[in-house]
Amino acid sequence: MLKEELETTAFLARIDIKDEEKEKYLKDINSMFEYIEILQEPNVATLKPTTHVTELRNVWREDIVKPCPRETIDQMLNGAPEREGTFYKIKKVIEAQ
């Protein structure tokens, strides 16, 4: 990028750039453009698109409902401040209209 292009871009973007900053910005912008050129070099037209970097796939299992032993339920509910049967009892959060 040339100094004139930087000044025009800054003017169009309504950015005030001081003269002493212009050289620094030109160096940084030109460095970014060089990096973009490096990224454009490889030919990726023949590559297959990927969604994951590995070939791992989810393994799904059937969701089977099994009864919970009474001892386990009691252990879970022992720490509850209040309970009603086999449920935690909490204060009403949402008012019905």
Protein backbone atom coordinates (compact mmCIF):
# COMPACT_ATOMS: atom_id res chain seq x y z
CA MET A 1 0.00 0.00 0.00
CA LEU A 2 1.25 3.43 -0.89
CA LYS A 3 1.19 6.48 1.36
CA GLU A 4 -1.43 8.13 -0.88
CA GLU A 5 -3.69 5.05 -0.61
CA LEU A 6 -3.37 5.13 3.18
CA GLU A 7 -4.29 8.81 3.27
CA THR A 8 -7.28 8.27 0.96
CA THR A 9 -8.48 5.29 3.01
CA ALA A 10 -8.10 7.23 6.25
CA PHE A 11 -10.00 10.18 4.75
CA LEU A 12 -12.86 7.95 3.55
CA ALA A 13 -13.04 6.20 6.93
CA ARG A 14 -12.94 9.58 8.69
CA ILE A 15 -9.81 8.57 10.62
CA ASP A 16 -7.27 11.22 11.56
CA ILE A 17 -3.76 9.81 11.19
CA LYS A 18 -0.80 11.93 12.25
CA ASP A 19 2.16 12.16 9.88
CA GLU A 20 4.48 10.37 12.34
CA GLU A 21 2.02 7.42 12.50
CA LYS A 22 1.72 6.94 8.75
CA GLU A 23 5.00 5.07 8.30
CA LYS A 24 4.17 2.67 11.15
CA TYR A 25 0.70 1.98 9.72
CA LEU A 26 2.10 1.50 6.21
CA LYS A 27 4.63 -1.02 7.54
CA ASP A 28 1.91 -2.92 9.47
CA ILE A 29 -0.56 -2.91 6.57
CA ASN A 30 2.06 -4.06 4.07
CA SER A 31 3.05 -6.84 6.48
CA MET A 32 -0.60 -7.99 6.57
CA PHE A 33 -0.81 -7.92 2.77
CA GLU A 34 2.34 -10.07 2.54
CA TYR A 35 0.75 -12.60 4.88
CA ILE A 36 -2.44 -12.62 2.78
CA GLU A 37 -0.35 -13.36 -0.31
CA ILE A 38 1.24 -16.33 1.47
CA LEU A 39 -2.21 -17.67 2.36
CA GLN A 40 -3.35 -17.39 -1.27
CA GLU A 41 -0.46 -19.47 -2.65
CA PRO A 42 -1.65 -23.05 -1.93
CA ASN A 43 -4.04 -24.54 -4.46
CA VAL A 44 -7.00 -25.79 -2.45
CA ALA A 45 -9.40 -26.30 -5.34
CA THR A 46 -9.02 -30.08 -5.28
CA LEU A 47 -9.31 -30.47 -1.49
CA LYS A 48 -12.44 -31.92 0.02
CA PRO A 49 -14.18 -29.59 2.52
CA THR A 50 -13.88 -30.72 6.12
CA THR A 51 -16.00 -30.01 9.17
CA HIS A 52 -13.68 -31.67 11.70
CA VAL A 53 -9.95 -32.18 11.85
CA THR A 54 -10.33 -35.79 12.96
CA GLU A 55 -12.40 -38.67 11.66
CA LEU A 56 -14.08 -39.17 15.06
CA ARG A 57 -17.84 -39.56 15.00
CA ASN A 58 -20.45 -39.57 17.75
CA VAL A 59 -21.49 -42.98 18.95
CA TRP A 60 -25.14 -42.97 19.88
CA ARG A 61 -26.77 -45.51 22.13
CA GLU A 62 -30.37 -46.29 22.74
CA ASP A 63 -31.83 -44.29 25.63
CA ILE A 64 -33.19 -46.94 27.97
CA VAL A 65 -35.10 -45.92 31.08
CA LYS A 66 -34.15 -48.04 34.08
CA PRO A 67 -35.75 -47.88 37.52
CA CYS A 68 -33.66 -46.16 40.19
CA PRO A 69 -33.18 -48.09 43.46
CA ARG A 70 -34.97 -46.58 46.46
CA GLU A 71 -31.67 -46.26 48.38
CA THR A 72 -30.22 -44.07 45.62
CA ILE A 73 -33.29 -41.82 45.61
CA ASP A 74 -33.09 -41.43 49.38
CA GLN A 75 -29.37 -40.58 49.20
CA MET A 76 -30.06 -37.90 46.57
CA LEU A 77 -32.92 -36.38 48.53
CA ASN A 78 -31.16 -36.42 51.94
CA GLY A 79 -29.48 -33.09 51.25
CA ALA A 80 -32.65 -31.36 50.04
CA PRO A 81 -33.95 -28.54 52.26
CA GLU A 82 -37.50 -29.72 51.54
CA ARG A 83 -38.92 -32.67 49.67
CA GLU A 84 -42.30 -33.95 48.66
CA GLY A 85 -42.35 -37.67 48.07
CA THR A 86 -39.45 -38.43 45.75
CA PHE A 87 -39.14 -34.82 44.49
CA TYR A 88 -37.24 -31.73 45.58
CA LYS A 89 -39.65 -29.06 46.80
CA ILE A 90 -38.72 -25.53 45.80
CA LYS A 91 -40.35 -22.11 46.00
CA LYS A 92 -42.53 -21.01 43.11
CA VAL A 93 -40.44 -19.11 40.60
CA ILE A 94 -42.92 -18.23 37.83
CA GLU A 95 -46.37 -16.82 38.43
CA ALA A 96 -49.11 -18.17 36.15
CA GLN A 97 -51.43 -15.63 34.54
